[in-house]
């Protein structure tokens, strides 16, 4: 069963688990790259809503996000990964191939949305052309989806402390400049 690989990682009471897009790889990467059969693909699309309904029915909060990026911005990001040695690890041969298959990936995403978007497990789309805005919008939305009770805060009193009598030792040191 396709979903079996994820069950052991489901959250216990009070826990949060975040899956990356790999849950939906069958409908995207595997479909476009030919890593699954048509039968496996259609079975995934048919079964996913029922599996997600079972998850939600067992009181697990299921929130699905799609981080949408334009082809132009994705191309720029890939170029930066190629040019910046600190980002080489983020680059795979499949990333480069995916850029050439943009239309097929877009169609696969649309079909996945049609099959797996539901009232019990809707998709939320985050425009991620701007990473900082995307992260802030995602975090804000995610927090708005989690029910919580505000815990009253009783302000503690801080005692005034007498002036410090310690004299620091003088020595030479190098200050690291702040870049960020």
Foldseek 3Di string as FASTA:
>chain_A
DLCPVCVVVDDDPPDDDDDPCPSVCLLAVCVLVVVDDPVSSVVCLQCQQVVLVVCVVVVDQAEAEDADEDLVLLVVVQVCLVVDVVNVVVDDPVSVVCSVVVVVRVVSVVSSQVRHADPSYHYDYFHPSPPVVSVVVVVVVVVVSDDDDDDDDDDDDDDDDDDDPDDDDDDDDDDDDDDD
